[in-house]
Amino acid sequence: NLLRAGVPLMVWNRTPEKTEPLREAGAQV
C-alpha cells in the first residue's frame, strides 16, 4: 500500500522469497 501511494521503499525480510511481490511492485530489496 505504501508503494501504491508512491512511497519509494527499500524492503527486507528474513525469508528472501517473500520480497518478490515487493520487488515486482517497484521496491528495492
PDB file of all heavy atoms in Angstrom:
ATOM      1  N   ASN A   1       0.824  -1.213   0.000  1.00  0.00           N
ATOM      2  CA  ASN A   1       0.000   0.000   0.000  1.00  0.00           C
ATOM      3  C   ASN A   1       0.857   1.261   0.000  1.00  0.00           C
ATOM      4  O   ASN A   1       0.486   2.265  -0.625  1.00  0.00           O
ATOM      5  CB  ASN A   1      -0.952  -0.010   1.191  1.00  0.00           C
ATOM      6  CG  ASN A   1      -2.150  -0.912   0.972  1.00  0.00           C
ATOM      7  OD1 ASN A   1      -2.570  -1.133  -0.157  1.00  0.00           O
ATOM      8  ND2 ASN A   1      -2.705  -1.448   2.044  1.00  0.00           N
ATOM      9  N   LEU A   2       1.994   1.216   0.680  1.00  0.00           N
ATOM     10  CA  LEU A   2       2.908   2.361   0.632  1.00  0.00           C
ATOM     11  C   LEU A   2       3.442   2.565  -0.784  1.00  0.00           C
ATOM     12  O   LEU A   2       3.495   3.696  -1.291  1.00  0.00           O
ATOM     13  CB  LEU A   2       4.068   2.155   1.611  1.00  0.00           C
ATOM     14  CG  LEU A   2       3.749   2.288   3.085  1.00  0.00           C
ATOM     15  CD1 LEU A   2       4.955   1.856   3.931  1.00  0.00           C
ATOM     16  CD2 LEU A   2       3.360   3.728   3.447  1.00  0.00           C
ATOM     17  N   LEU A   3       3.832   1.478  -1.431  1.00  0.00           N
ATOM     18  CA  LEU A   3       4.334   1.576  -2.800  1.00  0.00           C
ATOM     19  C   LEU A   3       3.269   2.132  -3.745  1.00  0.00           C
ATOM     20  O   LEU A   3       3.554   2.988  -4.593  1.00  0.00           O
ATOM     21  CB  LEU A   3       4.800   0.209  -3.289  1.00  0.00           C
ATOM     22  CG  LEU A   3       6.129  -0.291  -2.719  1.00  0.00           C
ATOM     23  CD1 LEU A   3       6.312  -1.758  -3.034  1.00  0.00           C
ATOM     24  CD2 LEU A   3       7.299   0.525  -3.285  1.00  0.00           C
ATOM     25  N   ARG A   4       2.035   1.650  -3.608  1.00  0.00           N
ATOM     26  CA  ARG A   4       0.946   2.120  -4.472  1.00  0.00           C
ATOM     27  C   ARG A   4       0.663   3.597  -4.261  1.00  0.00           C
ATOM     28  O   ARG A   4       0.161   4.265  -5.166  1.00  0.00           O
ATOM     29  CB  ARG A   4      -0.302   1.288  -4.221  1.00  0.00           C
ATOM     30  CG  ARG A   4      -0.177  -0.160  -4.704  1.00  0.00           C
ATOM     31  CD  ARG A   4      -1.347  -0.999  -4.256  1.00  0.00           C
ATOM     32  NE  ARG A   4      -1.158  -2.403  -4.621  1.00  0.00           N
ATOM     33  CZ  ARG A   4      -1.471  -3.420  -3.830  1.00  0.00           C
ATOM     34  NH1 ARG A   4      -1.997  -3.200  -2.624  1.00  0.00           N
ATOM     35  NH2 ARG A   4      -1.278  -4.660  -4.236  1.00  0.00           N
ATOM     36  N   ALA A   5       0.977   4.086  -3.068  1.00  0.00           N
ATOM     37  CA  ALA A   5       0.773   5.507  -2.780  1.00  0.00           C
ATOM     38  C   ALA A   5       1.952   6.356  -3.236  1.00  0.00           C
ATOM     39  O   ALA A   5       1.955   7.574  -3.029  1.00  0.00           O
ATOM     40  CB  ALA A   5       0.538   5.710  -1.284  1.00  0.00           C
ATOM     41  N   GLY A   6       2.948   5.728  -3.852  1.00  0.00           N
ATOM     42  CA  GLY A   6       4.088   6.470  -4.376  1.00  0.00           C
ATOM     43  C   GLY A   6       5.238   6.637  -3.418  1.00  0.00           C
ATOM     44  O   GLY A   6       6.147   7.433  -3.674  1.00  0.00           O
ATOM     45  N   VAL A   7       5.231   5.902  -2.308  1.00  0.00           N
ATOM     46  CA  VAL A   7       6.332   5.990  -1.348  1.00  0.00           C
ATOM     47  C   VAL A   7       7.447   5.056  -1.810  1.00  0.00           C
ATOM     48  O   VAL A   7       7.242   3.841  -1.906  1.00  0.00           O
ATOM     49  CB  VAL A   7       5.871   5.587   0.071  1.00  0.00           C
ATOM     50  CG1 VAL A   7       7.044   5.625   1.048  1.00  0.00           C
ATOM     51  CG2 VAL A   7       4.751   6.503   0.549  1.00  0.00           C
ATOM     52  N   PRO A   8       8.632   5.573  -2.107  1.00  0.00           N
ATOM     53  CA  PRO A   8       9.730   4.695  -2.516  1.00  0.00           C
ATOM     54  C   PRO A   8      10.238   3.906  -1.312  1.00  0.00           C
ATOM     55  O   PRO A   8      10.535   4.476  -0.263  1.00  0.00           O
ATOM     56  CB  PRO A   8      10.793   5.658  -3.045  1.00  0.00           C
ATOM     57  CG  PRO A   8      10.503   6.952  -2.349  1.00  0.00           C
ATOM     58  CD  PRO A   8       9.028   6.997  -2.103  1.00  0.00           C
ATOM     59  N   LEU A   9      10.335   2.593  -1.468  1.00  0.00           N
ATOM     60  CA  LEU A   9      10.694   1.734  -0.342  1.00  0.00           C
ATOM     61  C   LEU A   9      11.923   0.897  -0.637  1.00  0.00           C
ATOM     62  O   LEU A   9      12.129   0.448  -1.755  1.00  0.00           O
ATOM     63  CB  LEU A   9       9.551   0.757  -0.023  1.00  0.00           C
ATOM     64  CG  LEU A   9       8.312   1.237   0.727  1.00  0.00           C
ATOM     65  CD1 LEU A   9       7.409   0.031   1.001  1.00  0.00           C
ATOM     66  CD2 LEU A   9       8.668   1.935   2.014  1.00  0.00           C
ATOM     67  N   MET A  10      12.705   0.688   0.406  1.00  0.00           N
ATOM     68  CA  MET A  10      13.685  -0.388   0.423  1.00  0.00           C
ATOM     69  C   MET A  10      13.197  -1.383   1.465  1.00  0.00           C
ATOM     70  O   MET A  10      12.928  -1.010   2.605  1.00  0.00           O
ATOM     71  CB  MET A  10      15.084   0.108   0.764  1.00  0.00           C
ATOM     72  CG  MET A  10      16.095  -1.042   0.905  1.00  0.00           C
ATOM     73  SD  MET A  10      17.787  -0.457   1.180  1.00  0.00           S
ATOM     74  CE  MET A  10      18.286  -0.136  -0.512  1.00  0.00           C
ATOM     75  N   VAL A  11      13.054  -2.650   1.076  1.00  0.00           N
ATOM     76  CA  VAL A  11      12.459  -3.644   1.967  1.00  0.00           C
ATOM     77  C   VAL A  11      13.453  -4.753   2.279  1.00  0.00           C
ATOM     78  O   VAL A  11      14.407  -5.012   1.534  1.00  0.00           O
ATOM     79  CB  VAL A  11      11.178  -4.251   1.351  1.00  0.00           C
ATOM     80  CG1 VAL A  11      10.165  -3.163   1.052  1.00  0.00           C
ATOM     81  CG2 VAL A  11      11.494  -5.054   0.084  1.00  0.00           C
ATOM     82  N   TRP A  12      13.183  -5.416   3.405  1.00  0.00           N
ATOM     83  CA  TRP A  12      13.988  -6.568   3.814  1.00  0.00           C
ATOM     84  C   TRP A  12      13.098  -7.536   4.563  1.00  0.00           C
ATOM     85  O   TRP A  12      12.179  -7.127   5.291  1.00  0.00           O
ATOM     86  CB  TRP A  12      15.135  -6.134   4.724  1.00  0.00           C
ATOM     87  CG  TRP A  12      15.893  -7.297   5.327  1.00  0.00           C
ATOM     88  CD1 TRP A  12      16.898  -8.015   4.752  1.00  0.00           C
ATOM     89  CD2 TRP A  12      15.682  -7.876   6.621  1.00  0.00           C
ATOM     90  NE1 TRP A  12      17.335  -9.011   5.595  1.00  0.00           N
ATOM     91  CE2 TRP A  12      16.601  -8.942   6.763  1.00  0.00           C
ATOM     92  CE3 TRP A  12      14.806  -7.598   7.673  1.00  0.00           C
ATOM     93  CZ2 TRP A  12      16.671  -9.725   7.912  1.00  0.00           C
ATOM     94  CZ3 TRP A  12      14.859  -8.378   8.815  1.00  0.00           C
ATOM     95  CH2 TRP A  12      15.788  -9.426   8.934  1.00  0.00           C
ATOM     96  N   ASN A  13      13.371  -8.826   4.375  1.00  0.00           N
ATOM     97  CA  ASN A  13      12.647  -9.860   5.103  1.00  0.00           C
ATOM     98  C   ASN A  13      13.599 -11.011   5.379  1.00  0.00           C
ATOM     99  O   ASN A  13      14.485 -11.314   4.571  1.00  0.00           O
ATOM    100  CB  ASN A  13      11.451 -10.357   4.286  1.00  0.00           C
ATOM    101  CG  ASN A  13      10.506 -11.194   5.121  1.00  0.00           C
ATOM    102  OD1 ASN A  13       9.819 -10.683   5.998  1.00  0.00           O
ATOM    103  ND2 ASN A  13      10.471 -12.500   4.866  1.00  0.00           N
ATOM    104  N   ARG A  14      13.409 -11.654   6.534  1.00  0.00           N
ATOM    105  CA  ARG A  14      14.298 -12.766   6.880  1.00  0.00           C
ATOM    106  C   ARG A  14      14.186 -13.913   5.874  1.00  0.00           C
ATOM    107  O   ARG A  14      15.165 -14.612   5.623  1.00  0.00           O
ATOM    108  CB  ARG A  14      13.969 -13.285   8.288  1.00  0.00           C
ATOM    109  CG  ARG A  14      14.435 -12.355   9.395  1.00  0.00           C
ATOM    110  CD  ARG A  14      14.114 -12.938  10.755  1.00  0.00           C
ATOM    111  NE  ARG A  14      12.674 -13.045  10.975  1.00  0.00           N
ATOM    112  CZ  ARG A  14      12.120 -13.644  12.033  1.00  0.00           C
ATOM    113  NH1 ARG A  14      12.886 -14.210  12.936  1.00  0.00           N
ATOM    114  NH2 ARG A  14      10.815 -13.675  12.171  1.00  0.00           N
ATOM    115  N   THR A  15      12.985 -14.108   5.317  1.00  0.00           N
ATOM    116  CA  THR A  15      12.791 -15.113   4.267  1.00  0.00           C
ATOM    117  C   THR A  15      12.803 -14.385   2.927  1.00  0.00           C
ATOM    118  O   THR A  15      11.823 -13.735   2.562  1.00  0.00           O
ATOM    119  CB  THR A  15      11.454 -15.845   4.459  1.00  0.00           C
ATOM    120  OG1 THR A  15      11.364 -16.325   5.802  1.00  0.00           O
ATOM    121  CG2 THR A  15      11.329 -17.003   3.491  1.00  0.00           C
ATOM    122  N   PRO A  16      13.893 -14.461   2.167  1.00  0.00           N
ATOM    123  CA  PRO A  16      14.057 -13.612   0.975  1.00  0.00           C
ATOM    124  C   PRO A  16      12.964 -13.759  -0.069  1.00  0.00           C
ATOM    125  O   PRO A  16      12.593 -12.782  -0.726  1.00  0.00           O
ATOM    126  CB  PRO A  16      15.417 -14.040   0.416  1.00  0.00           C
ATOM    127  CG  PRO A  16      16.156 -14.589   1.596  1.00  0.00           C
ATOM    128  CD  PRO A  16      15.114 -15.251   2.438  1.00  0.00           C
ATOM    129  N   GLU A  17      12.402 -14.984  -0.242  1.00  0.00           N
ATOM    130  CA  GLU A  17      11.412 -15.157  -1.309  1.00  0.00           C
ATOM    131  C   GLU A  17      10.164 -14.312  -1.091  1.00  0.00           C
ATOM    132  O   GLU A  17       9.440 -14.005  -2.044  1.00  0.00           O
ATOM    133  CB  GLU A  17      11.037 -16.635  -1.463  1.00  0.00           C
ATOM    134  CG  GLU A  17      10.535 -17.307  -0.215  1.00  0.00           C
ATOM    135  CD  GLU A  17      11.639 -18.061   0.523  1.00  0.00           C
ATOM    136  OE1 GLU A  17      12.819 -17.671   0.390  1.00  0.00           O
ATOM    137  OE2 GLU A  17      11.300 -19.041   1.219  1.00  0.00           O
ATOM    138  N   LYS A  18       9.901 -13.919   0.138  1.00  0.00           N
ATOM    139  CA  LYS A  18       8.723 -13.099   0.401  1.00  0.00           C
ATOM    140  C   LYS A  18       8.880 -11.657  -0.082  1.00  0.00           C
ATOM    141  O   LYS A  18       7.929 -10.887  -0.080  1.00  0.00           O
ATOM    142  CB  LYS A  18       8.388 -13.109   1.891  1.00  0.00           C
ATOM    143  CG  LYS A  18       7.864 -14.450   2.383  1.00  0.00           C
ATOM    144  CD  LYS A  18       7.400 -14.382   3.822  1.00  0.00           C
ATOM    145  CE  LYS A  18       6.822 -15.706   4.275  1.00  0.00           C
ATOM    146  NZ  LYS A  18       6.341 -15.661   5.684  1.00  0.00           N
ATOM    147  N   THR A  19      10.090 -11.298  -0.505  1.00  0.00           N
ATOM    148  CA  THR A  19      10.308  -9.944  -1.015  1.00  0.00           C
ATOM    149  C   THR A  19       9.918  -9.798  -2.480  1.00  0.00           C
ATOM    150  O   THR A  19       9.796  -8.676  -2.980  1.00  0.00           O
ATOM    151  CB  THR A  19      11.782  -9.529  -0.864  1.00  0.00           C
ATOM    152  OG1 THR A  19      12.604 -10.392  -1.665  1.00  0.00           O
ATOM    153  CG2 THR A  19      12.231  -9.601   0.588  1.00  0.00           C
ATOM    154  N   GLU A  20       9.710 -10.919  -3.192  1.00  0.00           N
ATOM    155  CA  GLU A  20       9.491 -10.844  -4.635  1.00  0.00           C
ATOM    156  C   GLU A  20       8.267 -10.011  -5.036  1.00  0.00           C
ATOM    157  O   GLU A  20       8.349  -9.208  -5.973  1.00  0.00           O
ATOM    158  CB  GLU A  20       9.415 -12.238  -5.240  1.00  0.00           C
ATOM    159  CG  GLU A  20      10.760 -12.928  -5.323  1.00  0.00           C
ATOM    160  CD  GLU A  20      11.817 -12.050  -5.994  1.00  0.00           C
ATOM    161  OE1 GLU A  20      11.564 -11.566  -7.115  1.00  0.00           O
ATOM    162  OE2 GLU A  20      12.874 -11.834  -5.379  1.00  0.00           O
ATOM    163  N   PRO A  21       7.092 -10.147  -4.368  1.00  0.00           N
ATOM    164  CA  PRO A  21       5.961  -9.288  -4.747  1.00  0.00           C
ATOM    165  C   PRO A  21       6.277  -7.804  -4.585  1.00  0.00           C
ATOM    166  O   PRO A  21       5.773  -6.970  -5.341  1.00  0.00           O
ATOM    167  CB  PRO A  21       4.850  -9.721  -3.778  1.00  0.00           C
ATOM    168  CG  PRO A  21       5.214 -11.117  -3.392  1.00  0.00           C
ATOM    169  CD  PRO A  21       6.709 -11.130  -3.341  1.00  0.00           C
ATOM    170  N   LEU A  22       7.131  -7.473  -3.614  1.00  0.00           N
ATOM    171  CA  LEU A  22       7.509  -6.071  -3.425  1.00  0.00           C
ATOM    172  C   LEU A  22       8.467  -5.611  -4.510  1.00  0.00           C
ATOM    173  O   LEU A  22       8.360  -4.487  -5.013  1.00  0.00           O
ATOM    174  CB  LEU A  22       8.140  -5.887  -2.034  1.00  0.00           C
ATOM    175  CG  LEU A  22       7.197  -5.764  -0.835  1.00  0.00           C
ATOM    176  CD1 LEU A  22       6.313  -4.541  -0.972  1.00  0.00           C
ATOM    177  CD2 LEU A  22       6.382  -7.010  -0.601  1.00  0.00           C
ATOM    178  N   ARG A  23       9.405  -6.478  -4.885  1.00  0.00           N
ATOM    179  CA  ARG A  23      10.317  -6.138  -5.985  1.00  0.00           C
ATOM    180  C   ARG A  23       9.526  -5.879  -7.266  1.00  0.00           C
ATOM    181  O   ARG A  23       9.779  -4.924  -7.989  1.00  0.00           O
ATOM    182  CB  ARG A  23      11.324  -7.267  -6.200  1.00  0.00           C
ATOM    183  CG  ARG A  23      12.447  -6.916  -7.177  1.00  0.00           C
ATOM    184  CD  ARG A  23      13.198  -8.151  -7.626  1.00  0.00           C
ATOM    185  NE  ARG A  23      13.743  -8.917  -6.522  1.00  0.00           N
ATOM    186  CZ  ARG A  23      14.933  -8.669  -5.967  1.00  0.00           C
ATOM    187  NH1 ARG A  23      15.675  -7.662  -6.394  1.00  0.00           N
ATOM    188  NH2 ARG A  23      15.373  -9.442  -4.977  1.00  0.00           N
ATOM    189  N   GLU A  24       8.555  -6.773  -7.529  1.00  0.00           N
ATOM    190  CA  GLU A  24       7.737  -6.624  -8.736  1.00  0.00           C
ATOM    191  C   GLU A  24       6.921  -5.339  -8.706  1.00  0.00           C
ATOM    192  O   GLU A  24       6.613  -4.766  -9.761  1.00  0.00           O
ATOM    193  CB  GLU A  24       6.815  -7.832  -8.878  1.00  0.00           C
ATOM    194  CG  GLU A  24       7.553  -9.132  -9.169  1.00  0.00           C
ATOM    195  CD  GLU A  24       6.650 -10.343  -9.078  1.00  0.00           C
ATOM    196  OE1 GLU A  24       5.423 -10.152  -8.867  1.00  0.00           O
ATOM    197  OE2 GLU A  24       7.156 -11.469  -9.216  1.00  0.00           O
ATOM    198  N   ALA A  25       6.573  -4.873  -7.498  1.00  0.00           N
ATOM    199  CA  ALA A  25       5.785  -3.639  -7.365  1.00  0.00           C
ATOM    200  C   ALA A  25       6.650  -2.384  -7.375  1.00  0.00           C
ATOM    201  O   ALA A  25       6.119  -1.274  -7.329  1.00  0.00           O
ATOM    202  CB  ALA A  25       4.960  -3.679  -6.083  1.00  0.00           C
ATOM    203  N   GLY A  26       7.983  -2.564  -7.425  1.00  0.00           N
ATOM    204  CA  GLY A  26       8.857  -1.411  -7.553  1.00  0.00           C
ATOM    205  C   GLY A  26       9.751  -1.111  -6.376  1.00  0.00           C
ATOM    206  O   GLY A  26      10.504  -0.128  -6.391  1.00  0.00           O
ATOM    207  N   ALA A  27       9.707  -1.942  -5.336  1.00  0.00           N
ATOM    208  CA  ALA A  27      10.576  -1.701  -4.183  1.00  0.00           C
ATOM    209  C   ALA A  27      11.997  -2.148  -4.477  1.00  0.00           C
ATOM    210  O   ALA A  27      12.225  -3.068  -5.261  1.00  0.00           O
ATOM    211  CB  ALA A  27      10.046  -2.443  -2.962  1.00  0.00           C
ATOM    212  N   GLN A  28      12.947  -1.513  -3.828  1.00  0.00           N
ATOM    213  CA  GLN A  28      14.301  -2.030  -3.818  1.00  0.00           C
ATOM    214  C   GLN A  28      14.391  -3.054  -2.703  1.00  0.00           C
ATOM    215  O   GLN A  28      13.834  -2.863  -1.624  1.00  0.00           O
ATOM    216  CB  GLN A  28      15.311  -0.913  -3.588  1.00  0.00           C
ATOM    217  CG  GLN A  28      15.404   0.072  -4.747  1.00  0.00           C
ATOM    218  CD  GLN A  28      16.616   0.971  -4.617  1.00  0.00           C
ATOM    219  OE1 GLN A  28      17.671   0.536  -4.169  1.00  0.00           O
ATOM    220  NE2 GLN A  28      16.458   2.228  -5.002  1.00  0.00           N
ATOM    221  N   VAL A  29      15.070  -4.151  -2.946  1.00  0.00           N
ATOM    222  CA  VAL A  29      15.182  -5.232  -1.970  1.00  0.00           C
ATOM    223  C   VAL A  29      16.601  -5.255  -1.431  1.00  0.00           C
ATOM    224  O   VAL A  29      17.572  -5.321  -2.195  1.00  0.00           O
ATOM    225  CB  VAL A  29      14.818  -6.588  -2.602  1.00  0.00           C
ATOM    226  CG1 VAL A  29      15.056  -7.725  -1.607  1.00  0.00           C
ATOM    227  CG2 VAL A  29      13.366  -6.577  -3.065  1.00  0.00           C
TER     228      VAL A  29
END
